[in-house]
Amino acid sequence: MPKIYTDDERADIRTRLKKEANILMQKKGVKKTTVDELVRRAGIPKGTFYLFYPSKEMLLFDCAQDFHEQVDEYLTEGMKSIVCKYKIDVDKKGAFSGYVDEITDVIIGAMKIVQNSCLKVLLEPEAMKLILDKLPKDVLEKHRKQDNDPENGMFKELISGRGMDIEEITGAFTMVIFGSMYGQVIGQENMEAATRYLVKGLVIQIFG
């Protein structure tokens, strides 16, 4: 008979599994992250894993979603802070033009979350495809609707309100993140300044 876990035990097991999933995805990638290693590192029987997730891919997706929500929350709270601090009328044209540096700081902070999590692995189309191909259709559809909803985060809402394509803007920031992964080519001593130039340029185009 399967063990019955309390709510606290279930929450703890999920936390441990997602923690190890985040570590292994960054260390080994999606394909080489296995259920056997996940359960060993999390300290649970293999059978218990399937009480929580129907597949490895669902766990990896759940882990990535946590960081995705963390990024959205960071951006939203950062933008709200700027709006409140300077009493900005968000509907006024050019209202953010005097706060480019502050907005740049917020976006760079969000990008650091991506760079230090499994999200950076999933920016690679092949890695993302390995997960999405194994997700149930209802989960995938829900994810796509949430991801494309301009009201899902203040930053996206502001972009949408300026008549810009959210996917194009997201793609531009993704390209910056990819570029930041080539520190050895660019030179680690130049990375911070180079990234800031690129992000600031995007911010000026969006909010200037």
Protein backbone atom coordinates (compact mmCIF):
# COMPACT_ATOMS: atom_id res chain seq x y z
CA MET A 1 0.00 0.00 0.00
CA PRO A 2 1.44 3.43 -0.98
CA LYS A 3 2.53 5.63 1.90
CA ILE A 4 0.17 8.46 2.76
CA TYR A 5 2.00 11.76 3.12
CA THR A 6 0.87 14.77 5.12
CA ASP A 7 0.50 18.12 3.36
CA ASP A 8 3.77 19.31 4.88
CA GLU A 9 5.57 16.14 3.75
CA ARG A 10 4.18 16.51 0.22
CA ALA A 11 5.28 20.14 0.07
CA ASP A 12 8.75 19.19 1.33
CA ILE A 13 9.13 16.40 -1.26
CA ARG A 14 8.07 18.71 -4.09
CA THR A 15 10.54 21.34 -2.91
CA ARG A 16 13.38 18.81 -2.77
CA LEU A 17 12.56 17.40 -6.19
CA LYS A 18 12.42 20.84 -7.80
CA LYS A 19 15.64 21.87 -6.10
CA GLU A 20 17.45 18.84 -7.51
CA ALA A 21 15.79 19.28 -10.90
CA ASN A 22 17.11 22.84 -11.08
CA ILE A 23 20.63 21.70 -10.18
CA LEU A 24 20.69 18.75 -12.57
CA MET A 25 19.24 20.64 -15.53
CA GLN A 26 21.99 23.23 -15.24
CA LYS A 27 24.66 20.59 -14.71
CA LYS A 28 23.60 17.91 -17.21
CA GLY A 29 20.83 19.34 -19.37
CA VAL A 30 17.31 17.99 -19.90
CA LYS A 31 18.16 14.75 -21.68
CA LYS A 32 20.73 13.51 -19.14
CA THR A 33 18.63 14.42 -16.09
CA THR A 34 17.04 11.13 -15.00
CA VAL A 35 14.33 10.09 -12.55
CA ASP A 36 16.80 7.67 -10.91
CA GLU A 37 19.24 10.44 -10.07
CA LEU A 38 16.49 12.87 -9.07
CA VAL A 39 15.00 10.49 -6.49
CA ARG A 40 18.43 9.50 -5.20
CA ARG A 41 19.39 13.10 -4.60
CA ALA A 42 15.98 13.96 -3.15
CA GLY A 43 16.13 10.94 -0.84
CA ILE A 44 12.82 9.33 -1.83
CA PRO A 45 11.87 5.92 -3.32
CA LYS A 46 11.43 5.89 -7.08
CA GLY A 47 7.81 4.82 -6.74
CA THR A 48 7.10 7.92 -4.66
CA PHE A 49 8.19 10.13 -7.53
CA TYR A 50 5.20 9.05 -9.60
CA LEU A 51 2.81 9.98 -6.80
CA PHE A 52 3.87 13.56 -7.47
CA TYR A 53 4.71 13.74 -11.17
CA PRO A 54 3.63 11.54 -14.08
CA SER A 55 6.97 12.08 -15.82
CA LYS A 56 10.39 13.65 -15.52
CA GLU A 57 9.32 16.31 -18.00
CA MET A 58 6.42 17.46 -15.80
CA LEU A 59 8.80 17.96 -12.89
CA LEU A 60 11.27 19.91 -15.02
CA PHE A 61 8.44 22.02 -16.40
CA ASP A 62 7.10 22.66 -12.89
CA CYS A 63 10.56 23.69 -11.74
CA ALA A 64 10.98 26.06 -14.68
CA GLN A 65 7.53 27.55 -14.06
CA ASP A 66 8.55 28.48 -10.51
CA PHE A 67 11.48 30.51 -11.82
CA HIS A 68 9.35 31.94 -14.64
CA GLU A 69 6.87 33.22 -12.04
CA GLN A 70 9.76 34.55 -9.97
CA VAL A 71 11.00 36.56 -12.96
CA ASP A 72 7.50 37.91 -13.69
CA GLU A 73 7.05 38.88 -10.04
CA TYR A 74 10.47 40.55 -9.92
CA LEU A 75 9.70 42.61 -13.03
CA THR A 76 6.21 43.53 -11.84
CA GLU A 77 7.30 44.57 -8.35
CA GLY A 78 10.27 46.48 -9.77
CA MET A 79 8.12 48.42 -12.23
CA LYS A 80 5.48 49.09 -9.55
CA SER A 81 8.19 50.45 -7.27
CA ILE A 82 9.39 52.87 -9.97
CA VAL A 83 5.82 53.98 -10.76
CA CYS A 84 5.01 54.60 -7.09
CA LYS A 85 8.31 56.24 -6.20
CA TYR A 86 8.15 58.79 -9.02
CA LYS A 87 4.32 58.98 -9.25
CA ILE A 88 4.41 58.10 -12.96
CA ASP A 89 1.29 58.33 -15.10
CA VAL A 90 1.74 55.07 -17.04
CA ASP A 91 -0.74 56.12 -19.74
CA LYS A 92 1.17 59.28 -20.59
CA LYS A 93 3.44 59.07 -23.65
CA GLY A 94 7.11 59.17 -22.68
CA ALA A 95 6.25 58.92 -18.98
CA PHE A 96 9.15 56.52 -18.34
CA SER A 97 11.75 58.31 -20.48
CA GLY A 98 13.44 59.89 -17.44
CA TYR A 99 13.79 56.57 -15.63
CA VAL A 100 15.70 54.46 -18.13
CA ASP A 101 18.50 53.59 -15.71
CA GLU A 102 16.06 52.46 -13.01
CA ILE A 103 14.14 50.26 -15.45
CA THR A 104 17.42 48.86 -16.79
CA ASP A 105 18.41 47.87 -13.24
CA VAL A 106 15.11 46.00 -12.79
CA ILE A 107 15.47 44.09 -16.05
CA ILE A 108 19.10 43.16 -15.38
CA GLY A 109 18.02 41.85 -11.96
CA ALA A 110 15.40 39.66 -13.63
CA MET A 111 17.95 38.44 -16.16
CA LYS A 112 20.24 37.36 -13.32
CA ILE A 113 17.46 35.11 -12.03
CA VAL A 114 17.33 33.49 -15.48
CA GLN A 115 21.10 33.13 -15.72
CA ASN A 116 21.32 31.46 -12.31
CA SER A 117 18.47 28.98 -12.84
CA CYS A 118 17.34 26.17 -15.12
CA LEU A 119 15.58 28.76 -17.27
CA LYS A 120 18.84 29.49 -19.07
CA VAL A 121 18.94 25.83 -20.18
CA LEU A 122 15.38 25.98 -21.47
CA LEU A 123 16.14 29.03 -23.60
CA GLU A 124 17.74 26.56 -25.98
CA PRO A 125 14.99 25.43 -28.39
CA GLU A 126 16.11 21.77 -28.37
CA ALA A 127 15.97 21.57 -24.57
CA MET A 128 12.57 23.23 -24.41
CA LYS A 129 11.24 20.94 -27.14
CA LEU A 130 12.31 17.85 -25.18
CA ILE A 131 10.03 18.97 -22.36
CA LEU A 132 7.12 20.44 -24.30
CA ASP A 133 6.80 17.37 -26.52
CA LYS A 134 6.11 15.24 -23.42
CA LEU A 135 3.60 17.54 -21.72
CA PRO A 136 -0.15 16.74 -21.74
CA LYS A 137 -2.03 18.92 -24.23
CA ASP A 138 -4.10 20.65 -21.55
CA VAL A 139 -0.98 21.66 -19.59
CA LEU A 140 0.72 22.91 -22.74
CA GLU A 141 -2.32 24.93 -23.83
CA LYS A 142 -2.66 26.51 -20.39
CA HIS A 143 1.04 27.42 -20.44
CA ARG A 144 0.76 29.06 -23.87
CA LYS A 145 -2.26 31.12 -22.87
CA GLN A 146 -0.58 32.34 -19.70
CA ASP A 147 2.66 33.12 -21.48
CA ASN A 148 0.93 35.21 -24.15
CA ASP A 149 -1.42 37.03 -21.78
CA PRO A 150 -0.36 40.71 -21.60
CA GLU A 151 -1.99 40.98 -18.17
CA ASN A 152 0.32 38.26 -16.85
CA GLY A 153 2.80 40.74 -15.36
CA MET A 154 2.98 44.52 -15.39
CA PHE A 155 6.00 44.58 -17.70
CA LYS A 156 4.13 42.69 -20.42
CA GLU A 157 1.08 44.88 -19.90
CA LEU A 158 3.13 48.04 -20.41
CA ILE A 159 4.69 46.64 -23.59
CA SER A 160 1.29 45.64 -24.95
CA GLY A 161 -0.09 49.10 -24.11
CA ARG A 162 2.57 50.66 -26.33
CA GLY A 163 1.45 48.61 -29.31
CA MET A 164 4.56 46.41 -29.28
CA ASP A 165 4.72 42.69 -29.91
CA ILE A 166 5.45 40.90 -26.63
CA GLU A 167 7.07 37.91 -28.33
CA GLU A 168 9.43 40.15 -30.31
CA ILE A 169 10.48 42.06 -27.20
CA THR A 170 10.89 38.82 -25.23
CA GLY A 171 12.99 37.48 -28.10
CA ALA A 172 15.23 40.53 -27.99
CA PHE A 173 15.90 40.08 -24.27
CA THR A 174 16.47 36.37 -24.83
CA MET A 175 19.17 37.23 -27.36
CA VAL A 176 20.85 39.44 -24.77
CA ILE A 177 20.75 36.59 -22.24
CA PHE A 178 22.27 34.19 -24.78
CA GLY A 179 25.03 36.69 -25.46
CA SER A 180 25.81 36.91 -21.76
CA MET A 181 26.60 33.19 -21.76
CA TYR A 182 29.70 33.82 -23.87
CA GLY A 183 31.71 35.54 -21.18
CA GLN A 184 34.94 33.86 -22.24
CA VAL A 185 34.64 35.35 -25.72
CA ILE A 186 33.52 38.81 -24.62
CA GLY A 187 35.68 38.86 -21.50
CA GLN A 188 34.16 38.52 -18.05
CA GLU A 189 35.50 41.95 -17.10
CA ASN A 190 33.39 43.47 -19.90
CA MET A 191 30.22 41.43 -19.44
CA GLU A 192 28.37 43.65 -16.99
CA ALA A 193 28.94 46.84 -18.94
CA ALA A 194 28.22 45.19 -22.31
CA THR A 195 24.97 43.68 -21.04
CA ARG A 196 23.90 47.02 -19.60
CA TYR A 197 24.47 48.79 -22.93
CA LEU A 198 22.25 46.28 -24.71
CA VAL A 199 19.48 46.25 -22.10
CA LYS A 200 19.49 50.04 -21.82
CA GLY A 201 19.16 50.31 -25.60
CA LEU A 202 16.08 48.09 -25.51
CA VAL A 203 14.59 50.04 -22.61
CA ILE A 204 15.01 53.31 -24.51
CA GLN A 205 13.24 51.82 -27.53
CA ILE A 206 10.37 50.50 -25.40
CA PHE A 207 9.91 53.30 -22.88
CA GLY A 208 11.78 56.28 -24.32
